[in-house]
C-alpha atoms as a PDB file:
ATOM      1  CA  UNK A   1      -4.592  -6.644   5.365  1.00  0.00           C
ATOM      2  CA  UNK A   2      -7.164  -8.317   7.589  1.00  0.00           C
ATOM      3  CA  UNK A   3      -8.844 -11.396   6.112  1.00  0.00           C
ATOM      4  CA  UNK A   4     -11.975 -13.160   7.345  1.00  0.00           C
ATOM      5  CA  UNK A   5     -10.703 -16.619   6.446  1.00  0.00           C
ATOM      6  CA  UNK A   6     -10.121 -18.361   9.756  1.00  0.00           C
ATOM      7  CA  UNK A   7     -11.359 -21.956   9.860  1.00  0.00           C
ATOM      8  CA  UNK A   8     -12.859 -22.887  13.216  1.00  0.00           C
ATOM      9  CA  UNK A   9     -12.327 -26.440  14.489  1.00  0.00           C
ATOM     10  CA  UNK A  10     -15.292 -28.736  14.105  1.00  0.00           C
ATOM     11  CA  UNK A  11     -14.956 -30.928  17.136  1.00  0.00           C
ATOM     12  CA  UNK A  12     -16.597 -29.933  20.383  1.00  0.00           C
ATOM     13  CA  UNK A  13     -18.343 -26.866  18.943  1.00  0.00           C
ATOM     14  CA  UNK A  14     -22.006 -26.181  18.515  1.00  0.00           C
ATOM     15  CA  UNK A  15     -23.018 -25.407  14.937  1.00  0.00           C
ATOM     16  CA  UNK A  16     -26.357 -23.848  15.737  1.00  0.00           C
ATOM     17  CA  UNK A  17     -25.039 -20.285  15.438  1.00  0.00           C
ATOM     18  CA  UNK A  18     -24.571 -20.631  11.681  1.00  0.00           C
ATOM     19  CA  UNK A  19     -27.818 -20.531   9.780  1.00  0.00           C
ATOM     20  CA  UNK A  20     -28.626 -21.265   6.156  1.00  0.00           C
ATOM     21  CA  UNK A  21     -28.708 -18.179   3.880  1.00  0.00           C
ATOM     22  CA  UNK A  22     -32.475 -18.441   3.448  1.00  0.00           C
ATOM     23  CA  UNK A  23     -32.969 -17.893   7.175  1.00  0.00           C
ATOM     24  CA  UNK A  24     -30.732 -14.842   7.369  1.00  0.00           C
ATOM     25  CA  UNK A  25     -31.996 -11.273   6.937  1.00  0.00           C
ATOM     26  CA  UNK A  26     -31.220 -10.053   3.430  1.00  0.00           C
ATOM     27  CA  UNK A  27     -30.876  -6.376   4.348  1.00  0.00           C
ATOM     28  CA  UNK A  28     -29.449  -4.976   7.554  1.00  0.00           C
ATOM     29  CA  UNK A  29     -28.184  -1.409   7.511  1.00  0.00           C
ATOM     30  CA  UNK A  30     -26.297   0.560   4.921  1.00  0.00           C
ATOM     31  CA  UNK A  31     -22.872   2.071   4.350  1.00  0.00           C
ATOM     32  CA  UNK A  32     -21.853   5.599   5.313  1.00  0.00           C
ATOM     33  CA  UNK A  33     -18.606   7.368   4.349  1.00  0.00           C
ATOM     34  CA  UNK A  34     -17.822  10.805   5.779  1.00  0.00           C
ATOM     35  CA  UNK A  35     -14.736  12.838   4.807  1.00  0.00           C
ATOM     36  CA  UNK A  36     -12.968   9.544   4.148  1.00  0.00           C
ATOM     37  CA  UNK A  37      -9.247   9.884   3.448  1.00  0.00           C
ATOM     38  CA  UNK A  38      -6.558   7.317   2.810  1.00  0.00           C
ATOM     39  CA  UNK A  39      -2.869   7.391   2.002  1.00  0.00           C
ATOM     40  CA  UNK A  40      -0.142   4.834   1.401  1.00  0.00           C
ATOM     41  CA  UNK A  41       2.742   6.637   3.022  1.00  0.00           C
ATOM     42  CA  UNK A  42       3.060   9.952   1.202  1.00  0.00           C
ATOM     43  CA  UNK A  43       0.820   8.793  -1.665  1.00  0.00           C
ATOM     44  CA  UNK A  44      -2.702  10.103  -1.095  1.00  0.00           C
ATOM     45  CA  UNK A  45      -5.344   7.921  -2.751  1.00  0.00           C
ATOM     46  CA  UNK A  46      -8.656   9.178  -1.345  1.00  0.00           C
ATOM     47  CA  UNK A  47      -9.348  12.827  -0.576  1.00  0.00           C
ATOM     48  CA  UNK A  48     -12.485  13.382   1.452  1.00  0.00           C
ATOM     49  CA  UNK A  49     -15.088  10.899   0.161  1.00  0.00           C
ATOM     50  CA  UNK A  50     -18.675  11.478   1.321  1.00  0.00           C
ATOM     51  CA  UNK A  51     -21.114   8.759   0.271  1.00  0.00           C
ATOM     52  CA  UNK A  52     -24.319   7.235   1.628  1.00  0.00           C
ATOM     53  CA  UNK A  53     -25.459   3.774   0.542  1.00  0.00           C
ATOM     54  CA  UNK A  54     -28.921   3.178   2.033  1.00  0.00           C
ATOM     55  CA  UNK A  55     -29.835  -0.324   3.163  1.00  0.00           C
ATOM     56  CA  UNK A  56     -30.988  -2.440   0.261  1.00  0.00           C
ATOM     57  CA  UNK A  57     -29.627  -0.113  -2.436  1.00  0.00           C
ATOM     58  CA  UNK A  58     -27.003  -0.788  -5.106  1.00  0.00           C
ATOM     59  CA  UNK A  59     -24.435   1.964  -5.616  1.00  0.00           C
ATOM     60  CA  UNK A  60     -21.771   1.876  -8.317  1.00  0.00           C
ATOM     61  CA  UNK A  61     -18.308   3.433  -8.247  1.00  0.00           C
ATOM     62  CA  UNK A  62     -16.635   4.324 -11.548  1.00  0.00           C
ATOM     63  CA  UNK A  63     -13.398   6.184 -12.033  1.00  0.00           C
ATOM     64  CA  UNK A  64     -10.013   6.153 -13.770  1.00  0.00           C
ATOM     65  CA  UNK A  65      -7.632   3.243 -13.236  1.00  0.00           C
ATOM     66  CA  UNK A  66      -5.577   3.634 -10.086  1.00  0.00           C
ATOM     67  CA  UNK A  67      -7.845   6.202  -8.475  1.00  0.00           C
ATOM     68  CA  UNK A  68      -8.490   4.084  -5.365  1.00  0.00           C
ATOM     69  CA  UNK A  69     -11.803   2.334  -6.087  1.00  0.00           C
ATOM     70  CA  UNK A  70     -10.612  -1.057  -4.849  1.00  0.00           C
ATOM     71  CA  UNK A  71      -8.992   0.564  -1.815  1.00  0.00           C
ATOM     72  CA  UNK A  72     -12.343   2.169  -1.041  1.00  0.00           C
ATOM     73  CA  UNK A  73     -14.018  -1.257  -1.038  1.00  0.00           C
ATOM     74  CA  UNK A  74     -11.310  -2.641   1.246  1.00  0.00           C
ATOM     75  CA  UNK A  75     -11.881   0.230   3.682  1.00  0.00           C
ATOM     76  CA  UNK A  76     -15.631  -0.390   3.694  1.00  0.00           C
ATOM     77  CA  UNK A  77     -15.050  -4.072   4.436  1.00  0.00           C
ATOM     78  CA  UNK A  78     -12.596  -3.373   7.246  1.00  0.00           C
ATOM     79  CA  UNK A  79      -9.710  -4.954   5.344  1.00  0.00           C
ATOM     80  CA  UNK A  80      -7.759  -1.711   5.760  1.00  0.00           C
ATOM     81  CA  UNK A  81      -7.834   1.127   8.273  1.00  0.00           C
ATOM     82  CA  UNK A  82      -8.503   4.587   6.858  1.00  0.00           C
ATOM     83  CA  UNK A  83      -6.077   7.457   7.331  1.00  0.00           C
ATOM     84  CA  UNK A  84      -8.885   9.811   8.294  1.00  0.00           C
ATOM     85  CA  UNK A  85     -12.615  10.330   8.228  1.00  0.00           C
ATOM     86  CA  UNK A  86     -15.388   7.902   9.080  1.00  0.00           C
ATOM     87  CA  UNK A  87     -16.533   4.563   7.659  1.00  0.00           C
ATOM     88  CA  UNK A  88     -19.644   2.871   9.042  1.00  0.00           C
ATOM     89  CA  UNK A  89     -21.443  -0.314   8.034  1.00  0.00           C
ATOM     90  CA  UNK A  90     -24.845  -0.785   9.647  1.00  0.00           C
ATOM     91  CA  UNK A  91     -23.767   1.929  12.077  1.00  0.00           C
ATOM     92  CA  UNK A  92     -20.599   0.058  13.131  1.00  0.00           C
ATOM     93  CA  UNK A  93     -17.279   1.861  12.658  1.00  0.00           C
ATOM     94  CA  UNK A  94     -14.869  -0.696  14.103  1.00  0.00           C
ATOM     95  CA  UNK A  95     -12.989  -2.471  11.302  1.00  0.00           C
ATOM     96  CA  UNK A  96     -13.608  -5.939  12.757  1.00  0.00           C
ATOM     97  CA  UNK A  97     -17.340  -5.262  13.023  1.00  0.00           C
ATOM     98  CA  UNK A  98     -17.428  -3.892   9.465  1.00  0.00           C
ATOM     99  CA  UNK A  99     -15.715  -7.044   8.227  1.00  0.00           C
ATOM    100  CA  UNK A 100     -18.295  -9.180  10.022  1.00  0.00           C
ATOM    101  CA  UNK A 101     -21.069  -7.469   8.018  1.00  0.00           C
ATOM    102  CA  UNK A 102     -19.441  -7.413   4.568  1.00  0.00           C
ATOM    103  CA  UNK A 103     -18.714 -10.032   1.929  1.00  0.00           C
ATOM    104  CA  UNK A 104     -15.968  -9.034  -0.504  1.00  0.00           C
ATOM    105  CA  UNK A 105     -15.816 -10.405  -4.054  1.00  0.00           C
ATOM    106  CA  UNK A 106     -12.486  -9.564  -5.753  1.00  0.00           C
ATOM    107  CA  UNK A 107     -11.819  -9.178  -9.468  1.00  0.00           C
ATOM    108  CA  UNK A 108     -10.565 -12.752  -9.878  1.00  0.00           C
ATOM    109  CA  UNK A 109     -12.862 -15.629  -8.922  1.00  0.00           C
ATOM    110  CA  UNK A 110     -10.110 -17.230  -6.749  1.00  0.00           C
ATOM    111  CA  UNK A 111     -11.810 -20.633  -6.865  1.00  0.00           C
ATOM    112  CA  UNK A 112      -9.722 -23.417  -5.349  1.00  0.00           C
ATOM    113  CA  UNK A 113      -8.818 -25.736  -8.276  1.00  0.00           C
ATOM    114  CA  UNK A 114      -8.833 -28.879  -6.122  1.00  0.00           C
ATOM    115  CA  UNK A 115     -12.365 -28.188  -4.811  1.00  0.00           C
ATOM    116  CA  UNK A 116     -15.601 -28.925  -6.624  1.00  0.00           C
ATOM    117  CA  UNK A 117     -17.909 -26.059  -7.570  1.00  0.00           C
ATOM    118  CA  UNK A 118     -20.131 -26.957  -4.622  1.00  0.00           C
ATOM    119  CA  UNK A 119     -17.268 -27.020  -2.124  1.00  0.00           C
ATOM    120  CA  UNK A 120     -15.980 -23.694  -3.457  1.00  0.00           C
ATOM    121  CA  UNK A 121     -19.420 -22.151  -3.020  1.00  0.00           C
ATOM    122  CA  UNK A 122     -19.715 -23.573   0.494  1.00  0.00           C
ATOM    123  CA  UNK A 123     -16.306 -22.285   1.563  1.00  0.00           C
ATOM    124  CA  UNK A 124     -17.678 -19.132   3.209  1.00  0.00           C
ATOM    125  CA  UNK A 125     -19.914 -21.220   5.448  1.00  0.00           C
ATOM    126  CA  UNK A 126     -17.044 -23.594   6.256  1.00  0.00           C
ATOM    127  CA  UNK A 127     -14.989 -20.552   7.313  1.00  0.00           C
ATOM    128  CA  UNK A 128     -17.812 -19.613   9.676  1.00  0.00           C
ATOM    129  CA  UNK A 129     -17.498 -22.996  11.375  1.00  0.00           C
ATOM    130  CA  UNK A 130     -20.245 -24.999   9.687  1.00  0.00           C
ATOM    131  CA  UNK A 131     -19.461 -28.648   9.093  1.00  0.00           C
ATOM    132  CA  UNK A 132     -18.836 -29.842   5.554  1.00  0.00           C
ATOM    133  CA  UNK A 133     -22.146 -31.556   4.821  1.00  0.00           C
ATOM    134  CA  UNK A 134     -24.466 -28.838   6.217  1.00  0.00           C
ATOM    135  CA  UNK A 135     -22.400 -26.222   4.367  1.00  0.00           C
ATOM    136  CA  UNK A 136     -22.694 -28.157   1.110  1.00  0.00           C
ATOM    137  CA  UNK A 137     -26.445 -28.572   1.600  1.00  0.00           C
ATOM    138  CA  UNK A 138     -26.931 -24.846   2.238  1.00  0.00           C
ATOM    139  CA  UNK A 139     -24.928 -23.846  -0.839  1.00  0.00           C
ATOM    140  CA  UNK A 140     -26.385 -26.625  -2.976  1.00  0.00           C
ATOM    141  CA  UNK A 141     -29.913 -25.364  -2.380  1.00  0.00           C
ATOM    142  CA  UNK A 142     -29.034 -22.309  -4.498  1.00  0.00           C
ATOM    143  CA  UNK A 143     -27.241 -24.014  -7.392  1.00  0.00           C
ATOM    144  CA  UNK A 144     -30.323 -24.492  -9.577  1.00  0.00           C
ATOM    145  CA  UNK A 145     -31.504 -20.917  -9.032  1.00  0.00           C
ATOM    146  CA  UNK A 146     -28.087 -19.644 -10.075  1.00  0.00           C
ATOM    147  CA  UNK A 147     -28.065 -21.710 -13.265  1.00  0.00           C
ATOM    148  CA  UNK A 148     -25.504 -24.147 -11.889  1.00  0.00           C
ATOM    149  CA  UNK A 149     -27.696 -27.215 -11.395  1.00  0.00           C
ATOM    150  CA  UNK A 150     -25.876 -30.369 -12.445  1.00  0.00           C
ATOM    151  CA  UNK A 151     -22.411 -28.808 -12.064  1.00  0.00           C
ATOM    152  CA  UNK A 152     -22.014 -29.288  -8.327  1.00  0.00           C
ATOM    153  CA  UNK A 153     -19.212 -31.845  -8.745  1.00  0.00           C
ATOM    154  CA  UNK A 154     -17.373 -29.994 -11.534  1.00  0.00           C
ATOM    155  CA  UNK A 155     -13.883 -28.636 -10.902  1.00  0.00           C
ATOM    156  CA  UNK A 156     -13.251 -24.940 -11.763  1.00  0.00           C
ATOM    157  CA  UNK A 157     -11.221 -25.982 -14.834  1.00  0.00           C
ATOM    158  CA  UNK A 158     -14.357 -27.654 -16.209  1.00  0.00           C
ATOM    159  CA  UNK A 159     -16.484 -24.491 -15.951  1.00  0.00           C
ATOM    160  CA  UNK A 160     -16.839 -21.572 -18.344  1.00  0.00           C
ATOM    161  CA  UNK A 161     -15.770 -18.099 -17.241  1.00  0.00           C
ATOM    162  CA  UNK A 162     -19.362 -17.077 -16.630  1.00  0.00           C
ATOM    163  CA  UNK A 163     -20.070 -20.167 -14.558  1.00  0.00           C
ATOM    164  CA  UNK A 164     -16.938 -19.610 -12.483  1.00  0.00           C
ATOM    165  CA  UNK A 165     -18.143 -16.087 -11.725  1.00  0.00           C
ATOM    166  CA  UNK A 166     -21.534 -17.458 -10.688  1.00  0.00           C
ATOM    167  CA  UNK A 167     -19.865 -19.833  -8.264  1.00  0.00           C
ATOM    168  CA  UNK A 168     -17.764 -16.959  -6.904  1.00  0.00           C
ATOM    169  CA  UNK A 169     -20.842 -14.784  -6.457  1.00  0.00           C
ATOM    170  CA  UNK A 170     -22.722 -17.656  -4.815  1.00  0.00           C
ATOM    171  CA  UNK A 171     -19.789 -18.087  -2.411  1.00  0.00           C
ATOM    172  CA  UNK A 172     -20.091 -14.355  -1.616  1.00  0.00           C
ATOM    173  CA  UNK A 173     -23.862 -14.454  -1.207  1.00  0.00           C
ATOM    174  CA  UNK A 174     -24.054 -17.661   0.833  1.00  0.00           C
ATOM    175  CA  UNK A 175     -21.945 -16.064   3.575  1.00  0.00           C
ATOM    176  CA  UNK A 176     -25.167 -14.340   4.643  1.00  0.00           C
ATOM    177  CA  UNK A 177     -23.565 -10.894   5.053  1.00  0.00           C
ATOM    178  CA  UNK A 178     -25.891  -7.896   4.594  1.00  0.00           C
ATOM    179  CA  UNK A 179     -23.391  -5.873   2.529  1.00  0.00           C
ATOM    180  CA  UNK A 180     -21.788  -7.118  -0.698  1.00  0.00           C
ATOM    181  CA  UNK A 181     -18.645  -5.384  -1.979  1.00  0.00           C
ATOM    182  CA  UNK A 182     -18.123  -6.383  -5.616  1.00  0.00           C
ATOM    183  CA  UNK A 183     -14.816  -5.399  -7.237  1.00  0.00           C
ATOM    184  CA  UNK A 184     -15.044  -5.607 -11.043  1.00  0.00           C
ATOM    185  CA  UNK A 185     -16.811  -8.990 -10.857  1.00  0.00           C
ATOM    186  CA  UNK A 186     -17.094  -9.413 -14.645  1.00  0.00           C
ATOM    187  CA  UNK A 187     -13.942  -7.646 -15.850  1.00  0.00           C
ATOM    188  CA  UNK A 188     -12.281 -10.836 -17.108  1.00  0.00           C
ATOM    189  CA  UNK A 189     -15.231 -11.908 -19.289  1.00  0.00           C
ATOM    190  CA  UNK A 190     -15.794 -11.302 -22.989  1.00  0.00           C
ATOM    191  CA  UNK A 191     -18.395  -8.707 -24.000  1.00  0.00           C
ATOM    192  CA  UNK A 192     -21.206 -11.187 -24.749  1.00  0.00           C
ATOM    193  CA  UNK A 193     -20.721 -13.201 -21.545  1.00  0.00           C
ATOM    194  CA  UNK A 194     -20.367  -9.989 -19.575  1.00  0.00           C
ATOM    195  CA  UNK A 195     -23.749  -8.733 -20.783  1.00  0.00           C
ATOM    196  CA  UNK A 196     -25.327 -12.068 -19.917  1.00  0.00           C
ATOM    197  CA  UNK A 197     -23.793 -11.993 -16.445  1.00  0.00           C
ATOM    198  CA  UNK A 198     -25.026  -8.449 -15.857  1.00  0.00           C
ATOM    199  CA  UNK A 199     -28.556  -9.578 -16.682  1.00  0.00           C
ATOM    200  CA  UNK A 200     -28.124 -12.611 -14.446  1.00  0.00           C
ATOM    201  CA  UNK A 201     -26.822 -10.527 -11.514  1.00  0.00           C
ATOM    202  CA  UNK A 202     -29.725  -8.086 -11.929  1.00  0.00           C
ATOM    203  CA  UNK A 203     -32.154 -10.998 -11.588  1.00  0.00           C
ATOM    204  CA  UNK A 204     -30.258 -12.366  -8.566  1.00  0.00           C
ATOM    205  CA  UNK A 205     -30.463  -9.010  -6.795  1.00  0.00           C
ATOM    206  CA  UNK A 206     -34.165  -8.702  -7.576  1.00  0.00           C
ATOM    207  CA  UNK A 207     -34.703 -12.104  -5.947  1.00  0.00           C
ATOM    208  CA  UNK A 208     -32.313 -11.697  -3.012  1.00  0.00           C
ATOM    209  CA  UNK A 209     -31.766  -7.953  -2.415  1.00  0.00           C
ATOM    210  CA  UNK A 210     -28.719  -6.797  -0.490  1.00  0.00           C
ATOM    211  CA  UNK A 211     -26.857  -3.569   0.130  1.00  0.00           C
ATOM    212  CA  UNK A 212     -24.268  -3.558  -2.657  1.00  0.00           C
ATOM    213  CA  UNK A 213     -21.258  -1.399  -3.498  1.00  0.00           C
ATOM    214  CA  UNK A 214     -20.062  -2.234  -7.015  1.00  0.00           C
ATOM    215  CA  UNK A 215     -16.740  -1.096  -8.476  1.00  0.00           C
ATOM    216  CA  UNK A 216     -16.509  -1.187 -12.256  1.00  0.00           C
ATOM    217  CA  UNK A 217     -14.762   0.523 -15.164  1.00  0.00           C
ATOM    218  CA  UNK A 218     -17.853  -0.071 -17.309  1.00  0.00           C
ATOM    219  CA  UNK A 219     -20.210   2.921 -17.116  1.00  0.00           C
ATOM    220  CA  UNK A 220     -22.985   0.991 -18.869  1.00  0.00           C
ATOM    221  CA  UNK A 221     -22.675  -1.857 -16.359  1.00  0.00           C
ATOM    222  CA  UNK A 222     -22.903   0.569 -13.452  1.00  0.00           C
ATOM    223  CA  UNK A 223     -25.958   2.343 -14.843  1.00  0.00           C
ATOM    224  CA  UNK A 224     -27.736  -0.932 -15.584  1.00  0.00           C
ATOM    225  CA  UNK A 225     -27.063  -2.692 -12.276  1.00  0.00           C
ATOM    226  CA  UNK A 226     -27.146   0.202  -9.800  1.00  0.00           C
ATOM    227  CA  UNK A 227     -29.649   2.597  -8.265  1.00  0.00           C
ATOM    228  CA  UNK A 228     -27.062   5.373  -8.189  1.00  0.00           C
ATOM    229  CA  UNK A 229     -23.582   5.851  -9.651  1.00  0.00           C
ATOM    230  CA  UNK A 230     -20.765   7.864  -8.059  1.00  0.00           C
ATOM    231  CA  UNK A 231     -18.069   9.078 -10.459  1.00  0.00           C
ATOM    232  CA  UNK A 232     -14.580   9.408  -8.927  1.00  0.00           C
ATOM    233  CA  UNK A 233     -11.795  11.707 -10.071  1.00  0.00           C
ATOM    234  CA  UNK A 234      -8.184  10.775 -10.710  1.00  0.00           C
ATOM    235  CA  UNK A 235      -6.016  10.175  -7.640  1.00  0.00           C
ATOM    236  CA  UNK A 236      -6.414  11.463  -5.006  1.00  0.00           C
ATOM    237  CA  UNK A 237     -10.007  10.457  -5.626  1.00  0.00           C
ATOM    238  CA  UNK A 238     -13.006  12.575  -4.794  1.00  0.00           C
ATOM    239  CA  UNK A 239     -16.597  12.241  -5.982  1.00  0.00           C
ATOM    240  CA  UNK A 240     -17.144  14.574  -8.938  1.00  0.00           C
ATOM    241  CA  UNK A 241     -20.704  13.486  -9.772  1.00  0.00           C
ATOM    242  CA  UNK A 242     -23.544  11.320  -8.432  1.00  0.00           C
ATOM    243  CA  UNK A 243     -26.036  10.162 -11.026  1.00  0.00           C
ATOM    244  CA  UNK A 244     -29.439   8.552 -10.735  1.00  0.00           C
ATOM    245  CA  UNK A 245     -30.281   5.843 -13.225  1.00  0.00           C
ATOM    246  CA  UNK A 246     -33.329   5.742 -15.527  1.00  0.00           C
ATOM    247  CA  UNK A 247     -33.954   1.976 -15.289  1.00  0.00           C
ATOM    248  CA  UNK A 248     -32.962  -0.246 -12.385  1.00  0.00           C
ATOM    249  CA  UNK A 249     -31.993  -3.829 -13.198  1.00  0.00           C
ATOM    250  CA  UNK A 250     -34.602  -4.233 -15.933  1.00  0.00           C
ATOM    251  CA  UNK A 251     -35.323  -7.796 -17.011  1.00  0.00           C
ATOM    252  CA  UNK A 252     -34.619  -6.910 -20.657  1.00  0.00           C
ATOM    253  CA  UNK A 253     -31.081  -5.536 -20.583  1.00  0.00           C
ATOM    254  CA  UNK A 254     -30.860  -4.855 -24.317  1.00  0.00           C
ATOM    255  CA  UNK A 255     -33.988  -2.724 -24.241  1.00  0.00           C
ATOM    256  CA  UNK A 256     -32.785  -0.903 -21.123  1.00  0.00           C
ATOM    257  CA  UNK A 257     -29.332   0.075 -22.406  1.00  0.00           C
ATOM    258  CA  UNK A 258     -30.694   1.343 -25.746  1.00  0.00           C
ATOM    259  CA  UNK A 259     -33.460   3.449 -24.202  1.00  0.00           C
ATOM    260  CA  UNK A 260     -32.872   7.188 -24.949  1.00  0.00           C
ATOM    261  CA  UNK A 261     -32.943   8.076 -21.242  1.00  0.00           C
ATOM    262  CA  UNK A 262     -30.296   5.439 -20.521  1.00  0.00           C
ATOM    263  CA  UNK A 263     -28.123   6.649 -23.405  1.00  0.00           C
ATOM    264  CA  UNK A 264     -28.356  10.218 -22.091  1.00  0.00           C
ATOM    265  CA  UNK A 265     -27.357   9.075 -18.599  1.00  0.00           C
ATOM    266  CA  UNK A 266     -24.409   7.152 -20.018  1.00  0.00           C
ATOM    267  CA  UNK A 267     -23.214  10.242 -21.909  1.00  0.00           C
ATOM    268  CA  UNK A 268     -23.511  12.347 -18.748  1.00  0.00           C
ATOM    269  CA  UNK A 269     -21.519   9.760 -16.781  1.00  0.00           C
ATOM    270  CA  UNK A 270     -18.816   9.618 -19.453  1.00  0.00           C
ATOM    271  CA  UNK A 271     -18.512  13.422 -19.454  1.00  0.00           C
ATOM    272  CA  UNK A 272     -18.098  13.428 -15.679  1.00  0.00           C
ATOM    273  CA  UNK A 273     -15.575  10.592 -15.896  1.00  0.00           C
ATOM    274  CA  UNK A 274     -13.594  12.435 -18.570  1.00  0.00           C
ATOM    275  CA  UNK A 275     -13.532  15.655 -16.553  1.00  0.00           C
ATOM    276  CA  UNK A 276     -12.596  13.805 -13.391  1.00  0.00           C
ATOM    277  CA  UNK A 277      -9.766  12.002 -15.185  1.00  0.00           C
ATOM    278  CA  UNK A 278      -8.311  15.389 -16.045  1.00  0.00           C
ATOM    279  CA  UNK A 279      -8.610  16.499 -12.455  1.00  0.00           C
ATOM    280  CA  UNK A 280     -11.027  19.334 -13.307  1.00  0.00           C
END
């Protein structure tokens, strides 16, 4: 797997090419999948996926465990090469160019235990070649807005699960990439913290919109956070339904998820998920 983690040497290099997140364009192109197929040897995981994610939109992927949702994110980000079909990010099909335009947030926060929260958040900028202090300043400017003010020096072991996820998301966002690929970002959290983090992420995306592809097992999470939800079948995965959502990232999550229109959409998504799990 290709990883965008190379650390460029600091000496003798100009740092002017790396800009603070506030100066970078928030939205630049979308994601397009056409007849996308992927196999691991003889095991076929994806069977002809067609999906359009317009620039600035948030699209959710739900499906049974093991159907290839995480693999699909890796293909979008250029971390794997597809077996067949087309993947384009901002019109670029080359895997290296896709990787340059995507920031991938895996299921685990993967914070470095020996780094402070601030240094963990700044790691994406350090990997782009920015020196330590400018990287820390750029990331630190966002700590208060993300509810992390005062915790810059804290080690990951001193943070709650929700705060760790905020640092991980900030690390993803501060990279300045136009496309965010989020793989079950809140799966490890308890139900109460998870709901709070969903509401927090909705607010973050209202403030700093990006093109987002979100993988989740939680249908309610997908319907609350996304503009559109694609339901995948069991392996080899195909899209069995695409659903619009009644309320997009409402400020009052509790009111949104109990609204009759939202409940009806959730039931429709669950029916599609159930049918897809059976391969029908």
